[in-house]
Amino acid sequence: MATTGVPLSIVAVRAGNDIARHLGLPLRDASASVRVTDAALREAGRIARLHAIHATRAS
């Protein structure tokens, strides 16, 4: 991924998110993480709209 130019986002929704914490990303809030990703990609001119899904843990 590092040399492909493809953006990668971290959605930190569980405990143990040291990378997200170090990068100053929202923790345990998927909606906030998606908003940060959306804003960064729009600012970079990479997207016009971000479509995201909501995933839950299997019962």
PDB file of N, CA and C in Angstrom:
ATOM      1  N   MET A   1       0.817  -1.188   0.000  1.00  0.00           N
ATOM      2  CA  MET A   1       0.000   0.000   0.000  1.00  0.00           C
ATOM      3  C   MET A   1       0.864   1.256   0.000  1.00  0.00           C
ATOM      4  N   ALA A   2       2.016   1.205   0.625  1.00  0.00           N
ATOM      5  CA  ALA A   2       2.813   2.420   0.810  1.00  0.00           C
ATOM      6  C   ALA A   2       3.202   3.090  -0.500  1.00  0.00           C
ATOM      7  N   THR A   3       3.422   2.348  -1.546  1.00  0.00           N
ATOM      8  CA  THR A   3       3.869   2.953  -2.806  1.00  0.00           C
ATOM      9  C   THR A   3       2.800   2.951  -3.887  1.00  0.00           C
ATOM     10  N   THR A   4       1.575   2.580  -3.551  1.00  0.00           N
ATOM     11  CA  THR A   4       0.524   2.482  -4.561  1.00  0.00           C
ATOM     12  C   THR A   4      -0.246   3.776  -4.768  1.00  0.00           C
ATOM     13  N   GLY A   5      -0.201   4.686  -3.808  1.00  0.00           N
ATOM     14  CA  GLY A   5      -0.998   5.905  -3.908  1.00  0.00           C
ATOM     15  C   GLY A   5      -2.449   5.691  -3.517  1.00  0.00           C
ATOM     16  N   VAL A   6      -2.775   4.499  -3.025  1.00  0.00           N
ATOM     17  CA  VAL A   6      -4.138   4.191  -2.604  1.00  0.00           C
ATOM     18  C   VAL A   6      -4.305   4.595  -1.143  1.00  0.00           C
ATOM     19  N   PRO A   7      -5.309   5.432  -0.821  1.00  0.00           N
ATOM     20  CA  PRO A   7      -5.511   5.853   0.567  1.00  0.00           C
ATOM     21  C   PRO A   7      -5.940   4.677   1.445  1.00  0.00           C
ATOM     22  N   LEU A   8      -5.512   4.699   2.687  1.00  0.00           N
ATOM     23  CA  LEU A   8      -5.898   3.698   3.670  1.00  0.00           C
ATOM     24  C   LEU A   8      -6.390   4.431   4.907  1.00  0.00           C
ATOM     25  N   SER A   9      -7.529   3.998   5.430  1.00  0.00           N
ATOM     26  CA  SER A   9      -8.086   4.628   6.620  1.00  0.00           C
ATOM     27  C   SER A   9      -8.177   3.612   7.745  1.00  0.00           C
ATOM     28  N   ILE A  10      -8.040   4.079   8.964  1.00  0.00           N
ATOM     29  CA  ILE A  10      -8.192   3.232  10.144  1.00  0.00           C
ATOM     30  C   ILE A  10      -9.475   3.641  10.850  1.00  0.00           C
ATOM     31  N   VAL A  11     -10.378   2.683  11.019  1.00  0.00           N
ATOM     32  CA  VAL A  11     -11.606   2.925  11.768  1.00  0.00           C
ATOM     33  C   VAL A  11     -11.456   2.169  13.084  1.00  0.00           C
ATOM     34  N   ALA A  12     -11.135   2.898  14.132  1.00  0.00           N
ATOM     35  CA  ALA A  12     -10.834   2.306  15.437  1.00  0.00           C
ATOM     36  C   ALA A  12     -12.102   2.204  16.267  1.00  0.00           C
ATOM     37  N   VAL A  13     -12.649   1.004  16.385  1.00  0.00           N
ATOM     38  CA  VAL A  13     -13.907   0.837  17.101  1.00  0.00           C
ATOM     39  C   VAL A  13     -13.808  -0.088  18.310  1.00  0.00           C
ATOM     40  N   ARG A  14     -12.664  -0.666  18.554  1.00  0.00           N
ATOM     41  CA  ARG A  14     -12.475  -1.553  19.696  1.00  0.00           C
ATOM     42  C   ARG A  14     -11.253  -1.107  20.488  1.00  0.00           C
ATOM     43  N   ALA A  15     -10.959  -1.783  21.569  1.00  0.00           N
ATOM     44  CA  ALA A  15      -9.791  -1.461  22.395  1.00  0.00           C
ATOM     45  C   ALA A  15      -8.501  -1.843  21.671  1.00  0.00           C
ATOM     46  N   GLY A  16      -7.395  -1.291  22.119  1.00  0.00           N
ATOM     47  CA  GLY A  16      -6.090  -1.642  21.571  1.00  0.00           C
ATOM     48  C   GLY A  16      -5.761  -0.945  20.269  1.00  0.00           C
ATOM     49  N   ASN A  17      -6.165   0.290  20.122  1.00  0.00           N
ATOM     50  CA  ASN A  17      -5.938   1.036  18.888  1.00  0.00           C
ATOM     51  C   ASN A  17      -4.773   2.003  19.040  1.00  0.00           C
ATOM     52  N   ASP A  18      -3.602   1.451  19.330  1.00  0.00           N
ATOM     53  CA  ASP A  18      -2.431   2.291  19.556  1.00  0.00           C
ATOM     54  C   ASP A  18      -2.061   3.117  18.332  1.00  0.00           C
ATOM     55  N   ILE A  19      -2.180   2.545  17.145  1.00  0.00           N
ATOM     56  CA  ILE A  19      -1.836   3.287  15.924  1.00  0.00           C
ATOM     57  C   ILE A  19      -2.788   4.460  15.742  1.00  0.00           C
ATOM     58  N   ALA A  20      -4.087   4.206  15.871  1.00  0.00           N
ATOM     59  CA  ALA A  20      -5.069   5.277  15.728  1.00  0.00           C
ATOM     60  C   ALA A  20      -4.844   6.360  16.781  1.00  0.00           C
ATOM     61  N   ARG A  21      -4.560   5.948  18.009  1.00  0.00           N
ATOM     62  CA  ARG A  21      -4.312   6.910  19.094  1.00  0.00           C
ATOM     63  C   ARG A  21      -3.092   7.767  18.767  1.00  0.00           C
ATOM     64  N   HIS A  22      -2.018   7.133  18.314  1.00  0.00           N
ATOM     65  CA  HIS A  22      -0.780   7.841  17.972  1.00  0.00           C
ATOM     66  C   HIS A  22      -1.002   8.836  16.831  1.00  0.00           C
ATOM     67  N   LEU A  23      -1.859   8.477  15.878  1.00  0.00           N
ATOM     68  CA  LEU A  23      -2.132   9.348  14.737  1.00  0.00           C
ATOM     69  C   LEU A  23      -3.183  10.410  15.043  1.00  0.00           C
ATOM     70  N   GLY A  24      -3.760  10.367  16.245  1.00  0.00           N
ATOM     71  CA  GLY A  24      -4.758  11.357  16.626  1.00  0.00           C
ATOM     72  C   GLY A  24      -6.120  11.117  15.997  1.00  0.00           C
ATOM     73  N   LEU A  25      -6.397   9.866  15.635  1.00  0.00           N
ATOM     74  CA  LEU A  25      -7.682   9.530  15.023  1.00  0.00           C
ATOM     75  C   LEU A  25      -8.722   9.256  16.104  1.00  0.00           C
ATOM     76  N   PRO A  26     -10.013   9.414  15.773  1.00  0.00           N
ATOM     77  CA  PRO A  26     -11.063   9.133  16.755  1.00  0.00           C
ATOM     78  C   PRO A  26     -11.006   7.670  17.204  1.00  0.00           C
ATOM     79  N   LEU A  27     -11.247   7.445  18.479  1.00  0.00           N
ATOM     80  CA  LEU A  27     -11.243   6.096  19.034  1.00  0.00           C
ATOM     81  C   LEU A  27     -12.654   5.683  19.421  1.00  0.00           C
ATOM     82  N   ARG A  28     -13.006   4.452  19.130  1.00  0.00           N
ATOM     83  CA  ARG A  28     -14.300   3.863  19.510  1.00  0.00           C
ATOM     84  C   ARG A  28     -15.500   4.628  18.962  1.00  0.00           C
ATOM     85  N   ASP A  29     -15.328   5.318  17.854  1.00  0.00           N
ATOM     86  CA  ASP A  29     -16.421   6.073  17.243  1.00  0.00           C
ATOM     87  C   ASP A  29     -16.296   5.954  15.728  1.00  0.00           C
ATOM     88  N   ALA A  30     -16.944   4.927  15.178  1.00  0.00           N
ATOM     89  CA  ALA A  30     -16.834   4.660  13.747  1.00  0.00           C
ATOM     90  C   ALA A  30     -17.321   5.838  12.909  1.00  0.00           C
ATOM     91  N   SER A  31     -18.396   6.482  13.322  1.00  0.00           N
ATOM     92  CA  SER A  31     -18.930   7.618  12.560  1.00  0.00           C
ATOM     93  C   SER A  31     -17.918   8.755  12.489  1.00  0.00           C
ATOM     94  N   ALA A  32     -17.272   9.044  13.604  1.00  0.00           N
ATOM     95  CA  ALA A  32     -16.255  10.102  13.617  1.00  0.00           C
ATOM     96  C   ALA A  32     -15.071   9.717  12.743  1.00  0.00           C
ATOM     97  N   SER A  33     -14.677   8.447  12.760  1.00  0.00           N
ATOM     98  CA  SER A  33     -13.572   7.989  11.920  1.00  0.00           C
ATOM     99  C   SER A  33     -13.898   8.157  10.441  1.00  0.00           C
ATOM    100  N   VAL A  34     -15.124   7.820  10.068  1.00  0.00           N
ATOM    101  CA  VAL A  34     -15.542   7.971   8.672  1.00  0.00           C
ATOM    102  C   VAL A  34     -15.568   9.444   8.290  1.00  0.00           C
ATOM    103  N   ARG A  35     -16.012  10.313   9.192  1.00  0.00           N
ATOM    104  CA  ARG A  35     -16.026  11.754   8.892  1.00  0.00           C
ATOM    105  C   ARG A  35     -14.613  12.284   8.678  1.00  0.00           C
ATOM    106  N   VAL A  36     -13.653  11.835   9.491  1.00  0.00           N
ATOM    107  CA  VAL A  36     -12.258  12.260   9.331  1.00  0.00           C
ATOM    108  C   VAL A  36     -11.719  11.788   7.980  1.00  0.00           C
ATOM    109  N   THR A  37     -11.992  10.538   7.628  1.00  0.00           N
ATOM    110  CA  THR A  37     -11.545   9.991   6.343  1.00  0.00           C
ATOM    111  C   THR A  37     -12.159  10.764   5.189  1.00  0.00           C
ATOM    112  N   ASP A  38     -13.460  10.997   5.268  1.00  0.00           N
ATOM    113  CA  ASP A  38     -14.167  11.726   4.218  1.00  0.00           C
ATOM    114  C   ASP A  38     -13.570  13.119   4.030  1.00  0.00           C
ATOM    115  N   ALA A  39     -13.345  13.829   5.122  1.00  0.00           N
ATOM    116  CA  ALA A  39     -12.794  15.187   5.043  1.00  0.00           C
ATOM    117  C   ALA A  39     -11.389  15.186   4.446  1.00  0.00           C
ATOM    118  N   ALA A  40     -10.561  14.228   4.856  1.00  0.00           N
ATOM    119  CA  ALA A  40      -9.187  14.169   4.341  1.00  0.00           C
ATOM    120  C   ALA A  40      -9.163  13.866   2.848  1.00  0.00           C
ATOM    121  N   LEU A  41     -10.012  12.939   2.403  1.00  0.00           N
ATOM    122  CA  LEU A  41     -10.035  12.592   0.981  1.00  0.00           C
ATOM    123  C   LEU A  41     -10.610  13.723   0.137  1.00  0.00           C
ATOM    124  N   ARG A  42     -11.618  14.409   0.653  1.00  0.00           N
ATOM    125  CA  ARG A  42     -12.172  15.556  -0.077  1.00  0.00           C
ATOM    126  C   ARG A  42     -11.128  16.667  -0.203  1.00  0.00           C
ATOM    127  N   GLU A  43     -10.421  16.941   0.896  1.00  0.00           N
ATOM    128  CA  GLU A  43      -9.402  17.987   0.894  1.00  0.00           C
ATOM    129  C   GLU A  43      -8.297  17.668  -0.111  1.00  0.00           C
ATOM    130  N   ALA A  44      -7.968  16.402  -0.243  1.00  0.00           N
ATOM    131  CA  ALA A  44      -6.921  15.981  -1.180  1.00  0.00           C
ATOM    132  C   ALA A  44      -7.441  15.889  -2.609  1.00  0.00           C
ATOM    133  N   GLY A  45      -8.753  16.112  -2.798  1.00  0.00           N
ATOM    134  CA  GLY A  45      -9.332  16.036  -4.134  1.00  0.00           C
ATOM    135  C   GLY A  45      -9.453  14.616  -4.651  1.00  0.00           C
ATOM    136  N   ARG A  46      -9.473  13.642  -3.741  1.00  0.00           N
ATOM    137  CA  ARG A  46      -9.501  12.234  -4.136  1.00  0.00           C
ATOM    138  C   ARG A  46     -10.910  11.695  -4.330  1.00  0.00           C
ATOM    139  N   ILE A  47     -11.915  12.292  -3.671  1.00  0.00           N
ATOM    140  CA  ILE A  47     -13.285  11.788  -3.787  1.00  0.00           C
ATOM    141  C   ILE A  47     -14.272  12.941  -3.809  1.00  0.00           C
ATOM    142  N   ALA A  48     -15.452  12.650  -4.311  1.00  0.00           N
ATOM    143  CA  ALA A  48     -16.551  13.597  -4.241  1.00  0.00           C
ATOM    144  C   ALA A  48     -17.513  13.191  -3.129  1.00  0.00           C
ATOM    145  N   ARG A  49     -17.602  11.870  -2.876  1.00  0.00           N
ATOM    146  CA  ARG A  49     -18.492  11.376  -1.829  1.00  0.00           C
ATOM    147  C   ARG A  49     -17.961  10.034  -1.341  1.00  0.00           C
ATOM    148  N   LEU A  50     -18.053   9.797  -0.045  1.00  0.00           N
ATOM    149  CA  LEU A  50     -17.612   8.542   0.554  1.00  0.00           C
ATOM    150  C   LEU A  50     -18.832   7.737   0.961  1.00  0.00           C
ATOM    151  N   HIS A  51     -18.904   6.509   0.492  1.00  0.00           N
ATOM    152  CA  HIS A  51     -19.965   5.593   0.907  1.00  0.00           C
ATOM    153  C   HIS A  51     -19.351   4.626   1.911  1.00  0.00           C
ATOM    154  N   ALA A  52     -19.973   4.465   3.049  1.00  0.00           N
ATOM    155  CA  ALA A  52     -19.440   3.572   4.078  1.00  0.00           C
ATOM    156  C   ALA A  52     -20.540   2.639   4.557  1.00  0.00           C
ATOM    157  N   ILE A  53     -20.119   1.511   5.089  1.00  0.00           N
ATOM    158  CA  ILE A  53     -21.075   0.557   5.636  1.00  0.00           C
ATOM    159  C   ILE A  53     -20.923   0.511   7.146  1.00  0.00           C
ATOM    160  N   HIS A  54     -21.932   0.025   7.802  1.00  0.00           N
ATOM    161  CA  HIS A  54     -21.885  -0.155   9.259  1.00  0.00           C
ATOM    162  C   HIS A  54     -21.789  -1.650   9.527  1.00  0.00           C
ATOM    163  N   ALA A  55     -20.745  -2.072  10.204  1.00  0.00           N
ATOM    164  CA  ALA A  55     -20.554  -3.488  10.522  1.00  0.00           C
ATOM    165  C   ALA A  55     -20.734  -3.705  12.016  1.00  0.00           C
ATOM    166  N   THR A  56     -21.323  -4.815  12.356  1.00  0.00           N
ATOM    167  CA  THR A  56     -21.494  -5.177  13.758  1.00  0.00           C
ATOM    168  C   THR A  56     -20.903  -6.560  13.994  1.00  0.00           C
ATOM    169  N   ARG A  57     -20.670  -6.870  15.244  1.00  0.00           N
ATOM    170  CA  ARG A  57     -20.130  -8.177  15.603  1.00  0.00           C
ATOM    171  C   ARG A  57     -21.223  -9.232  15.475  1.00  0.00           C
ATOM    172  N   ALA A  58     -20.859 -10.397  14.964  1.00  0.00           N
ATOM    173  CA  ALA A  58     -21.820 -11.497  14.841  1.00  0.00           C
ATOM    174  C   ALA A  58     -22.280 -11.947  16.222  1.00  0.00           C
ATOM    175  N   SER A  59     -23.552 -12.318  16.330  1.00  0.00           N
ATOM    176  CA  SER A  59     -24.066 -12.769  17.624  1.00  0.00           C
ATOM    177  C   SER A  59     -23.665 -14.194  17.894  1.00  0.00           C
TER     178      SER A  59
END
